[in-house]
Amino acid sequence: MKNKAFSPGSRVRVTSYGPFRELKGTIRRVDTIADDPDEPFCFYLVTLDGTAMREPLWFEYQEVELVGFPPLATPQLPTASTSRALVET
């Protein structure tokens, strides 16, 4: 089975057994060990939601699952003030 590394900003859920099981968080950094290019071994630095811990924690790739992708950049929509300025020019 090929492992695809998640990207920073992705939302994940901790699946490993331990005190952080079922908590969600955001990946801040990805470290990959490329022994086998077909199956990279990754560590994720994750900031957990709803905890008193301010520092992110490291998890192995099999200890987290993807629950959401990083937000895409949305185009800037014109506001009423910018639309009015365009009409006046």
Protein backbone atom coordinates (compact mmCIF):
# COMPACT_ATOMS: atom_id res chain seq x y z
CA MET A 1 0.00 0.00 0.00
CA LYS A 2 1.44 3.37 -0.97
CA ASN A 3 1.54 6.08 1.69
CA LYS A 4 0.93 9.62 0.54
CA ALA A 5 2.25 12.27 2.90
CA PHE A 6 -0.32 14.79 4.07
CA SER A 7 0.56 18.43 3.56
CA PRO A 8 1.00 21.12 6.22
CA GLY A 9 -2.34 22.72 7.02
CA SER A 10 -4.22 19.43 6.64
CA ARG A 11 -6.69 18.54 9.38
CA VAL A 12 -6.10 15.16 11.04
CA ARG A 13 -7.50 12.97 13.82
CA VAL A 14 -5.22 11.04 16.17
CA THR A 15 -5.95 7.31 15.88
CA SER A 16 -3.19 5.88 18.09
CA TYR A 17 -4.05 4.51 21.51
CA GLY A 18 -3.05 6.96 24.18
CA PRO A 19 -4.11 10.21 25.84
CA PHE A 20 -4.54 12.04 22.52
CA ARG A 21 -6.77 9.44 20.80
CA GLU A 22 -9.66 10.96 18.81
CA LEU A 23 -8.36 14.53 19.18
CA LYS A 24 -8.23 16.61 16.02
CA GLY A 25 -5.53 18.99 14.98
CA THR A 26 -3.67 20.71 12.18
CA ILE A 27 -0.40 19.54 10.65
CA ARG A 28 2.29 22.20 11.02
CA ARG A 29 5.30 20.34 9.61
CA VAL A 30 6.06 17.09 7.81
CA ASP A 31 9.35 15.19 8.14
CA THR A 32 9.83 12.30 5.72
CA ILE A 33 12.37 9.50 5.79
CA ALA A 34 12.82 8.42 2.19
CA ASP A 35 14.33 4.95 2.56
CA ASP A 36 11.82 3.65 0.04
CA PRO A 37 10.48 6.30 -2.40
CA ASP A 38 7.34 4.20 -3.00
CA GLU A 39 6.47 4.11 0.70
CA PRO A 40 7.80 7.15 2.55
CA PHE A 41 7.84 7.08 6.35
CA CYS A 42 6.50 10.38 7.72
CA PHE A 43 6.30 12.19 11.01
CA TYR A 44 3.76 14.97 11.46
CA LEU A 45 4.07 17.91 13.84
CA VAL A 46 0.46 18.49 14.87
CA THR A 47 -1.14 21.30 16.86
CA LEU A 48 -4.02 19.67 18.74
CA ASP A 49 -7.38 21.38 19.24
CA GLY A 50 -9.02 21.62 22.65
CA THR A 51 -5.96 20.92 24.79
CA ALA A 52 -4.07 23.07 27.25
CA MET A 53 -0.84 22.15 25.45
CA ARG A 54 0.55 25.07 23.48
CA GLU A 55 3.36 23.13 21.80
CA PRO A 56 2.62 20.88 18.81
CA LEU A 57 3.34 17.14 19.12
CA TRP A 58 5.00 14.67 16.75
CA PHE A 59 3.01 11.68 15.47
CA GLU A 60 4.01 8.87 13.11
CA TYR A 61 2.09 8.60 9.83
CA GLN A 62 0.06 5.58 11.00
CA GLU A 63 -1.07 7.44 14.17
CA VAL A 64 -3.19 10.03 12.33
CA GLU A 65 -5.89 10.03 9.67
CA LEU A 66 -6.91 12.80 7.32
CA VAL A 67 -10.18 14.57 8.16
CA GLY A 68 -9.80 17.74 6.07
CA PHE A 69 -7.60 19.37 3.49
CA PRO A 70 -5.82 22.72 3.88
CA PRO A 71 -8.04 25.64 2.92
CA LEU A 72 -7.72 26.75 -0.69
CA ALA A 73 -7.02 30.36 -1.50
CA THR A 74 -10.31 31.96 -2.46
CA PRO A 75 -10.45 34.75 -5.00
CA GLN A 76 -11.11 38.20 -3.60
CA LEU A 77 -14.73 39.06 -4.31
CA PRO A 78 -15.60 42.70 -4.89
CA THR A 79 -17.27 44.44 -1.97
CA ALA A 80 -19.89 47.16 -2.22
CA SER A 81 -17.25 49.89 -1.80
CA THR A 82 -14.94 48.47 -4.49
CA SER A 83 -17.85 47.91 -6.87
CA ARG A 84 -18.97 51.51 -6.40
CA ALA A 85 -15.43 52.75 -7.07
CA LEU A 86 -15.27 50.73 -10.30
CA VAL A 87 -18.59 52.15 -11.51
CA GLU A 88 -17.54 55.74 -10.74
CA THR A 89 -14.33 55.48 -12.79
